[in-house]
Amino acid sequence: MQQAEADALDVDSALQRLLAQARPLGGQQLVAVEQGLGRVLAQDLRSPIDVPGMDNSQMDGYALRSADVPAPGTALHVAQRIAAGQVGQPLLPGQAARIFTGAPIPPGADAVVMQEQCRADGAQVFVDQQPQPGQWVRPRGFDVRQGSVVLQRGQRLRPQDLGQAASVGVAQLQLAPRPRVALLCTGDELAAPGQPLKPGGVYNSNRYMLRALLEALGCEVSDLGQVADTLEATRHALAEAARGHDLVLSSGGMSVGGEDHVRPAVQVQGHLAHWRIAIKPGRPLAFGAVHRGDGTSAHFIGLPGNPVSSFVTFVLFVRPFVLALQGASRLTPRALLLPSASDWPRADKRREFLRARVGDDGRVELHPEQNSAVLSSTVWGDGLVDNPAGRSFAAGDMVRFLAFSELLG
């Protein structure tokens, strides 16, 4: 093994070192519930009310006293009708109330018999089932008790979480601040979509992909565009990016070529803690900081320029780092152990993240082209196979699968 490989950090160690630098930004923002999707909750949310707030019916039927129906076929007088949102009168012995799903149980009643088990006849109802106390009754606080924690600090808010907050009457949430991220891309060969390509040029996919990934994580993104391939231009861009931002994210220029200026520029404008990872794709990766003029620093992460390498290193390293800045409680994705539908006979000395998708039979199929320049493999796939260094596998072997649903946003 060459010295460069021997000095490379393994993925877990690199992530551990990166997250050790990620201190939550601090502070809170009071945000309307409808604007909280994808944001991180800054404090526990306790319910101010019981849900439901009263005993209510689970069925359309008749509310009654169970003791008034000693046997099937008992007739009761229908004294009232209660719909959802209405409050009934106390139920007297021998009476029943026509009731609908979600309506409050009237005082005195202790059971509901569904309408399919009853026969209405004018002002009477014949109850064909002998009820038990509590039958088809949702008691007060059945779902949520007043004072209980319904959403936990550090939780990333999903649609159902926003619904839960609304269900207990909460209109605003205390959320972690959104990380401010400056995004810049390097490479004189890059062209913006819609512009003609010069000889040797390629369209800049990373800029749009990375911006979308950041925004899906709740970041405020300043797109600083494309930086010329010179050390001076790169240093100037980094200095500008550090001002007013928590994180500077770059794409390209992280290798050791003559036109790769990001790494030496960061070393002048700040510092790099480490930059070589034993990962495939994505080995040229950098962690560090860019100094501001006031003595403080912005975090820096430099991604490789190859589109797939940039994508993979973002979801594995940048995503947990950005979540840590927001104080999220869960930073890393959950993996599934699934059988492979493909052979992978060529073990690599680095840990590999292979583009793959799950078939209808539950087996994982590898994309036939794993080159780091083939961005279409990420569109074709729905996840990554996390393959340990030195491991080959055959169809039928179990592999560790990271779904894009866990990695994106």
Protein backbone atom coordinates (compact mmCIF):
# COMPACT_ATOMS: atom_id res chain seq x y z
CA MET A 1 0.00 0.00 0.00
CA GLN A 2 1.27 3.47 -0.88
CA GLN A 3 1.94 5.94 1.90
CA ALA A 4 -0.98 8.12 0.75
CA GLU A 5 -3.37 5.21 1.25
CA ALA A 6 -1.82 4.25 4.56
CA ASP A 7 -2.37 7.79 5.87
CA ALA A 8 -6.00 7.97 4.74
CA LEU A 9 -8.68 8.16 7.41
CA ASP A 10 -11.42 5.56 7.45
CA VAL A 11 -14.96 6.84 6.96
CA ASP A 12 -16.12 6.45 10.56
CA SER A 13 -13.05 8.18 11.99
CA ALA A 14 -13.40 11.04 9.52
CA LEU A 15 -17.06 11.49 10.39
CA GLN A 16 -16.28 11.38 14.11
CA ARG A 17 -13.65 14.10 13.73
CA LEU A 18 -15.96 16.20 11.59
CA LEU A 19 -18.87 15.98 14.02
CA ALA A 20 -16.56 16.87 16.92
CA GLN A 21 -16.26 20.31 15.30
CA ALA A 22 -20.01 20.75 14.84
CA ARG A 23 -21.37 22.71 17.78
CA PRO A 24 -25.08 23.61 17.62
CA LEU A 25 -25.46 27.18 16.46
CA GLY A 26 -27.50 28.17 19.50
CA GLY A 27 -30.51 30.39 19.77
CA GLN A 28 -34.08 29.70 18.77
CA GLN A 29 -36.55 30.96 16.21
CA LEU A 30 -40.29 31.14 16.82
CA VAL A 31 -41.81 29.82 13.61
CA ALA A 32 -45.39 29.18 12.50
CA VAL A 33 -46.26 25.49 12.44
CA GLU A 34 -46.94 25.54 8.71
CA GLN A 35 -43.39 26.76 8.06
CA GLY A 36 -41.65 24.12 10.18
CA LEU A 37 -41.26 21.28 7.68
CA GLY A 38 -37.73 19.85 7.78
CA ARG A 39 -36.63 22.16 10.60
CA VAL A 40 -35.23 20.95 13.93
CA LEU A 41 -37.18 21.44 17.14
CA ALA A 42 -35.19 23.46 19.68
CA GLN A 43 -37.14 22.42 22.78
CA ASP A 44 -39.56 19.72 23.83
CA LEU A 45 -43.15 20.42 22.88
CA ARG A 46 -45.57 19.57 25.69
CA SER A 47 -49.26 19.35 25.05
CA PRO A 48 -51.35 22.08 26.73
CA ILE A 49 -54.47 19.93 26.45
CA ASP A 50 -55.79 16.39 26.57
CA VAL A 51 -56.48 14.81 23.17
CA PRO A 52 -59.28 14.02 22.84
CA GLY A 53 -60.56 16.62 25.26
CA MET A 54 -63.58 14.55 26.22
CA ASP A 55 -64.84 10.97 26.08
CA ASN A 56 -66.12 10.49 22.52
CA SER A 57 -67.61 7.88 20.26
CA GLN A 58 -65.52 5.70 17.99
CA MET A 59 -68.56 4.71 15.94
CA ASP A 60 -71.83 5.89 14.47
CA GLY A 61 -74.43 4.29 16.72
CA TYR A 62 -76.13 4.76 20.07
CA ALA A 63 -74.67 5.93 23.38
CA LEU A 64 -76.28 4.28 26.38
CA ARG A 65 -75.89 2.92 29.86
CA SER A 66 -74.58 -0.64 29.58
CA ALA A 67 -76.61 -1.63 32.65
CA ASP A 68 -79.81 -0.70 30.75
CA VAL A 69 -79.24 -3.53 28.24
CA PRO A 70 -79.32 -6.77 30.26
CA ALA A 71 -80.00 -8.84 27.13
CA PRO A 72 -79.97 -8.49 23.33
CA GLY A 73 -83.17 -6.98 21.94
CA THR A 74 -83.70 -4.49 24.78
CA ALA A 75 -85.65 -1.39 23.72
CA LEU A 76 -84.52 2.10 24.80
CA HIS A 77 -86.00 5.56 24.24
CA VAL A 78 -83.92 7.72 21.88
CA ALA A 79 -83.85 11.01 23.77
CA GLN A 80 -81.33 13.05 21.75
CA ARG A 81 -79.08 13.23 18.74
CA ILE A 82 -75.39 14.18 19.13
CA ALA A 83 -73.09 14.99 16.19
CA ALA A 84 -69.38 15.78 16.33
CA GLY A 85 -68.88 19.24 17.78
CA GLN A 86 -72.11 19.12 19.80
CA VAL A 87 -72.50 18.52 23.53
CA GLY A 88 -75.32 16.27 24.66
CA GLN A 89 -77.54 16.38 27.72
CA PRO A 90 -77.23 13.96 30.63
CA LEU A 91 -78.63 10.55 29.76
CA LEU A 92 -81.34 9.21 32.04
CA PRO A 93 -81.92 5.53 32.80
CA GLY A 94 -83.68 3.77 29.95
CA GLN A 95 -82.56 6.34 27.40
CA ALA A 96 -80.16 6.20 24.45
CA ALA A 97 -78.60 8.94 22.36
CA ARG A 98 -78.16 8.71 18.61
CA ILE A 99 -74.45 9.50 18.30
CA PHE A 100 -71.91 9.92 15.51
CA THR A 101 -68.17 9.30 15.28
CA GLY A 102 -66.18 11.83 17.27
CA ALA A 103 -69.16 13.21 19.17
CA PRO A 104 -68.84 13.63 22.97
CA ILE A 105 -70.31 10.87 25.11
CA PRO A 106 -73.20 12.39 27.09
CA PRO A 107 -73.00 12.32 30.90
CA GLY A 108 -74.44 9.09 32.24
CA ALA A 109 -73.58 6.97 29.19
CA ASP A 110 -70.72 4.48 29.43
CA ALA A 111 -70.88 2.57 26.11
CA VAL A 112 -71.68 2.86 22.42
CA VAL A 113 -73.35 0.20 20.30
CA MET A 114 -72.69 0.55 16.58
CA GLN A 115 -75.71 1.26 14.40
CA GLU A 116 -75.36 -2.06 12.56
CA GLN A 117 -76.23 -3.84 15.83
CA CYS A 118 -79.30 -1.72 16.50
CA ARG A 119 -82.82 -1.43 15.00
CA ALA A 120 -84.43 2.00 15.05
CA ASP A 121 -88.22 2.22 15.30
CA GLY A 122 -89.46 5.77 15.65
CA ALA A 123 -88.42 7.12 19.04
CA GLN A 124 -87.20 3.68 20.12
CA VAL A 125 -84.12 1.66 19.36
CA PHE A 126 -83.77 -2.09 19.85
CA VAL A 127 -80.23 -2.96 20.91
CA ASP A 128 -79.28 -6.37 19.54
CA GLN A 129 -75.93 -6.63 21.30
CA GLN A 130 -75.32 -6.59 25.04
CA PRO A 131 -72.63 -3.91 25.53
CA GLN A 132 -69.72 -3.82 27.92
CA PRO A 133 -68.76 -0.66 29.84
CA GLY A 134 -66.34 1.41 27.77
CA GLN A 135 -67.29 -0.27 24.48
CA TRP A 136 -66.46 1.95 21.45
CA VAL A 137 -65.65 4.87 23.73
CA ARG A 138 -62.43 6.83 23.30
CA PRO A 139 -61.66 8.20 26.76
CA ARG A 140 -60.40 11.72 27.35
CA GLY A 141 -56.62 11.85 26.86
CA PHE A 142 -56.68 8.54 24.97
CA ASP A 143 -54.18 9.92 22.42
CA VAL A 144 -52.31 12.65 24.33
CA ARG A 145 -52.26 13.60 27.98
CA GLN A 146 -51.97 17.24 28.99
CA GLY A 147 -48.36 18.03 29.87
CA SER A 148 -46.90 15.06 28.01
CA VAL A 149 -44.08 15.52 25.48
CA VAL A 150 -45.54 15.11 22.00
CA LEU A 151 -42.45 16.20 20.04
CA GLN A 152 -38.90 15.95 21.33
CA ARG A 153 -36.09 18.46 21.13
CA GLY A 154 -33.74 17.65 18.27
CA GLN A 155 -36.48 16.09 16.16
CA ARG A 156 -36.62 17.00 12.47
CA LEU A 157 -40.18 17.90 11.71
CA ARG A 158 -42.12 15.79 9.24
CA PRO A 159 -45.65 16.48 7.96
CA GLN A 160 -47.15 14.22 10.63
CA ASP A 161 -45.18 16.08 13.32
CA LEU A 162 -46.67 19.39 12.19
CA GLY A 163 -50.08 17.74 12.31
CA GLN A 164 -49.36 16.55 15.86
CA ALA A 165 -48.43 20.08 16.95
CA ALA A 166 -51.61 21.47 15.40
CA SER A 167 -53.70 18.73 17.05
CA VAL A 168 -52.78 20.05 20.49
CA GLY A 169 -53.50 23.64 19.49
CA VAL A 170 -49.92 24.87 19.10
CA ALA A 171 -49.57 27.51 16.37
CA GLN A 172 -45.86 28.32 16.73
CA LEU A 173 -42.78 26.21 17.40
CA GLN A 174 -39.37 27.01 18.87
CA LEU A 175 -36.94 25.85 16.18
CA ALA A 176 -33.17 25.78 15.80
CA PRO A 177 -31.82 28.51 13.52
CA ARG A 178 -31.21 27.65 9.90
CA PRO A 179 -27.50 27.21 9.08
CA ARG A 180 -26.17 29.86 6.71
CA VAL A 181 -24.14 28.14 4.02
CA ALA A 182 -22.04 29.71 1.28
CA LEU A 183 -21.72 27.47 -1.78
CA LEU A 184 -19.00 27.86 -4.38
CA CYS A 185 -17.81 25.73 -7.26
CA THR A 186 -14.45 25.70 -9.00
CA GLY A 187 -13.44 24.71 -12.50
CA ASP A 188 -12.86 26.80 -15.62
CA GLU A 189 -14.34 23.96 -17.66
CA LEU A 190 -17.79 24.42 -16.10
CA ALA A 191 -20.67 26.08 -17.92
CA ALA A 192 -24.11 27.06 -16.65
CA PRO A 193 -27.09 25.15 -18.05
CA GLY A 194 -28.54 27.00 -21.02
CA GLN A 195 -25.17 28.35 -22.11
CA PRO A 196 -23.18 26.96 -25.03
CA LEU A 197 -20.34 24.59 -24.17
CA LYS A 198 -16.84 25.61 -25.15
CA PRO A 199 -14.43 22.88 -26.32
CA GLY A 200 -13.61 20.63 -23.37
CA GLY A 201 -16.39 22.13 -21.26
CA VAL A 202 -19.03 20.42 -19.14
CA TYR A 203 -22.21 21.67 -17.53
CA ASN A 204 -22.05 22.44 -13.82
CA SER A 205 -24.35 19.87 -12.23
CA ASN A 206 -22.84 20.04 -8.73
CA ARG A 207 -23.91 23.62 -8.15
CA TYR A 208 -27.58 22.81 -8.58
CA MET A 209 -27.44 19.43 -6.88
CA LEU A 210 -25.64 20.72 -3.79
CA ARG A 211 -27.85 23.75 -3.45
CA ALA A 212 -30.94 21.55 -3.52
CA LEU A 213 -29.42 19.16 -0.97
CA LEU A 214 -28.63 22.04 1.38
CA GLU A 215 -32.05 23.61 1.05
CA ALA A 216 -33.69 20.24 1.77
CA LEU A 217 -31.82 20.30 5.10
CA GLY A 218 -33.26 23.70 6.00
CA CYS A 219 -30.17 25.75 5.19
CA GLU A 220 -30.12 29.37 4.02
CA VAL A 221 -27.91 29.07 0.95
CA SER A 222 -25.84 31.86 -0.61
CA ASP A 223 -24.86 30.66 -4.07
CA LEU A 224 -21.55 32.37 -4.81
CA GLY A 225 -21.32 30.82 -8.24
CA GLN A 226 -18.23 29.64 -10.03
CA VAL A 227 -14.68 30.55 -8.98
CA ALA A 228 -11.87 30.91 -11.48
CA ASP A 229 -9.08 28.34 -11.27
CA THR A 230 -6.45 30.58 -9.67
CA LEU A 231 -5.15 30.68 -6.13
CA GLU A 232 -5.85 34.40 -5.80
CA ALA A 233 -9.46 34.09 -6.99
CA THR A 234 -10.04 31.12 -4.71
CA ARG A 235 -8.61 32.93 -1.67
CA HIS A 236 -10.79 35.97 -2.37
CA ALA A 237 -13.90 33.81 -2.76
CA LEU A 238 -13.23 32.00 0.50
CA ALA A 239 -12.76 35.25 2.40
CA GLU A 240 -16.05 36.56 1.02
CA ALA A 241 -17.81 33.29 1.77
CA ALA A 242 -16.71 33.20 5.41
CA ARG A 243 -18.39 36.52 6.20
CA GLY A 244 -21.93 36.05 7.41
CA HIS A 245 -21.99 32.27 7.01
CA ASP A 246 -21.68 29.32 9.35
CA LEU A 247 -20.35 26.93 6.71
CA VAL A 248 -18.47 27.29 3.44
CA LEU A 249 -19.05 24.39 1.08
CA SER A 250 -16.98 24.03 -2.07
CA SER A 251 -17.01 21.59 -4.96
CA GLY A 252 -13.86 20.71 -6.88
CA GLY A 253 -10.26 21.79 -6.51
CA MET A 254 -9.53 19.46 -3.58
CA SER A 255 -6.95 17.21 -5.22
CA VAL A 256 -3.24 17.88 -5.70
CA GLY A 257 -3.24 18.88 -9.37
CA GLY A 258 -1.75 22.09 -10.66
CA GLU A 259 -5.21 23.62 -11.12
CA ASP A 260 -6.57 22.45 -7.76
CA HIS A 261 -6.40 25.60 -5.65
CA VAL A 262 -9.03 25.14 -2.94
CA ARG A 263 -6.88 23.15 -0.54
CA PRO A 264 -3.88 25.54 -0.53
CA ALA A 265 -6.25 28.54 -0.43
CA VAL A 266 -7.98 27.23 2.69
CA GLN A 267 -4.62 26.58 4.31
CA VAL A 268 -3.75 30.25 3.79
CA GLN A 269 -7.16 31.68 4.74
CA GLY A 270 -7.73 29.27 7.61
CA HIS A 271 -6.75 25.68 8.31
CA LEU A 272 -7.44 22.12 7.21
CA ALA A 273 -7.69 19.38 9.80
CA HIS A 274 -7.56 16.52 7.29
CA TRP A 275 -8.42 15.95 3.68
CA ARG A 276 -7.82 12.35 2.57
CA ILE A 277 -10.51 9.72 3.25
CA ALA A 278 -10.41 5.99 2.47
CA ILE A 279 -13.69 6.10 0.57
CA LYS A 280 -14.82 5.29 -2.94
CA PRO A 281 -16.09 7.45 -4.51
CA GLY A 282 -14.92 10.69 -2.94
CA ARG A 283 -11.38 10.41 -1.61
CA PRO A 284 -10.36 14.12 -2.00
CA LEU A 285 -12.44 15.57 0.85
CA ALA A 286 -11.48 18.38 3.21
CA PHE A 287 -12.59 19.55 6.65
CA GLY A 288 -11.40 22.77 8.22
CA ALA A 289 -12.21 26.43 8.77
CA VAL A 290 -11.93 29.77 6.98
CA HIS A 291 -11.05 32.74 9.17
CA ARG A 292 -13.14 35.89 9.20
CA GLY A 293 -11.72 39.33 9.72
CA ASP A 294 -13.15 39.58 13.26
CA GLY A 295 -11.17 36.66 14.67
CA THR A 296 -13.93 34.10 14.24
CA SER A 297 -14.14 31.36 11.63
CA ALA A 298 -16.64 29.66 9.38
CA HIS A 299 -16.56 25.90 9.04
CA PHE A 300 -15.25 24.61 5.73
CA ILE A 301 -16.01 21.40 3.87
CA GLY A 302 -14.52 20.79 0.45
CA LEU A 303 -16.09 18.16 -1.78
CA PRO A 304 -14.58 16.46 -4.82
CA GLY A 305 -15.59 17.69 -8.24
CA ASN A 306 -16.81 14.44 -9.80
CA PRO A 307 -20.61 14.55 -9.58
CA VAL A 308 -21.16 11.17 -7.90
CA SER A 309 -18.24 11.74 -5.53
CA SER A 310 -19.73 15.10 -4.58
CA PHE A 311 -23.16 13.57 -4.07
CA VAL A 312 -21.96 10.63 -1.97
CA THR A 313 -19.65 12.66 0.25
CA PHE A 314 -22.41 15.21 0.81
CA VAL A 315 -24.94 12.68 2.06
CA LEU A 316 -22.36 10.88 4.22
CA PHE A 317 -20.49 13.86 5.69
CA VAL A 318 -22.12 17.22 5.00
CA ARG A 319 -25.63 16.09 5.86
CA PRO A 320 -24.81 14.91 9.42
CA PHE A 321 -22.62 17.97 9.96
CA VAL A 322 -25.42 20.36 8.98
CA LEU A 323 -27.89 18.45 11.15
CA ALA A 324 -25.46 18.66 14.07
CA LEU A 325 -25.30 22.45 13.65
CA GLN A 326 -29.06 22.44 14.18
CA GLY A 327 -28.89 20.21 17.24
CA ALA A 328 -30.66 17.30 15.56
CA SER A 329 -30.86 14.16 17.67
CA ARG A 330 -30.40 11.74 14.78
CA LEU A 331 -27.47 12.41 12.47
CA THR A 332 -26.75 9.17 10.62
CA PRO A 333 -29.04 7.08 8.41
CA ARG A 334 -30.56 3.77 9.36
CA ALA A 335 -29.39 0.87 7.23
CA LEU A 336 -31.26 -2.18 5.99
CA LEU A 337 -29.74 -5.63 5.54
CA LEU A 338 -31.06 -6.92 2.23
CA PRO A 339 -30.08 -9.71 -0.16
CA SER A 340 -28.10 -8.69 -3.22
CA ALA A 341 -29.35 -9.39 -6.72
CA SER A 342 -25.91 -8.63 -8.17
CA ASP A 343 -22.38 -9.98 -8.00
CA TRP A 344 -19.56 -7.67 -6.88
CA PRO A 345 -16.37 -9.71 -7.39
CA ARG A 346 -13.82 -6.90 -7.25
CA ALA A 347 -13.11 -5.95 -3.66
CA ASP A 348 -11.51 -2.54 -3.14
CA LYS A 349 -9.09 -1.48 -0.41
CA ARG A 350 -11.36 1.47 0.33
CA ARG A 351 -14.89 1.42 1.75
CA GLU A 352 -17.28 1.63 -1.19
CA PHE A 353 -20.68 3.21 -1.59
CA LEU A 354 -22.29 1.62 -4.62
CA ARG A 355 -25.33 3.03 -6.39
CA ALA A 356 -28.17 0.54 -6.22
CA ARG A 357 -31.91 0.10 -6.11
CA VAL A 358 -34.33 -2.32 -4.50
CA GLY A 359 -36.38 -4.48 -6.83
CA ASP A 360 -39.95 -5.60 -6.34
CA ASP A 361 -38.59 -8.86 -4.90
CA GLY A 362 -36.76 -6.98 -2.13
CA ARG A 363 -33.29 -7.69 -3.53
CA VAL A 364 -30.69 -4.99 -4.17
CA GLU A 365 -29.51 -4.49 -7.73
CA LEU A 366 -26.26 -2.63 -8.46
CA HIS A 367 -26.04 -0.09 -11.26
CA PRO A 368 -23.82 -1.58 -13.99
CA GLU A 369 -21.54 1.50 -14.07
CA GLN A 370 -20.05 2.65 -10.77
CA ASN A 371 -17.73 5.31 -12.22
CA SER A 372 -17.79 8.51 -10.16
CA ALA A 373 -18.59 10.62 -13.22
CA VAL A 374 -21.85 8.78 -13.98
CA LEU A 375 -24.44 10.94 -12.25
CA SER A 376 -27.24 9.03 -13.97
CA SER A 377 -26.53 6.15 -11.59
CA THR A 378 -27.93 8.26 -8.72
CA VAL A 379 -31.09 8.94 -10.71
CA TRP A 380 -31.49 5.26 -11.59
CA GLY A 381 -30.90 4.14 -8.02
CA ASP A 382 -32.81 4.63 -4.80
CA GLY A 383 -29.93 4.12 -2.38
CA LEU A 384 -26.33 3.09 -1.73
CA VAL A 385 -24.79 -0.23 -0.80
CA ASP A 386 -22.31 0.39 2.01
CA ASN A 387 -19.63 -2.16 1.22
CA PRO A 388 -16.72 -2.58 3.66
CA ALA A 389 -13.14 -2.33 2.43
CA GLY A 390 -11.81 -5.60 1.03
CA ARG A 391 -15.21 -7.24 0.61
CA SER A 392 -16.62 -8.86 -2.50
CA PHE A 393 -20.07 -10.38 -2.57
CA ALA A 394 -22.29 -12.51 -4.77
CA ALA A 395 -25.99 -12.57 -5.56
CA GLY A 396 -27.85 -13.80 -2.50
CA ASP A 397 -25.36 -12.37 0.01
CA MET A 398 -26.68 -9.82 2.48
CA VAL A 399 -25.59 -6.21 1.95
CA ARG A 400 -26.00 -3.04 3.96
CA PHE A 401 -28.36 -0.73 2.09
CA LEU A 402 -28.77 3.01 2.75
CA ALA A 403 -31.99 4.26 1.17
CA PHE A 404 -32.05 7.72 -0.38
CA SER A 405 -35.16 8.33 1.73
CA GLU A 406 -32.76 8.27 4.72
CA LEU A 407 -30.02 10.28 3.04
CA LEU A 408 -31.79 13.08 1.21
CA GLY A 409 -33.24 15.82 3.34
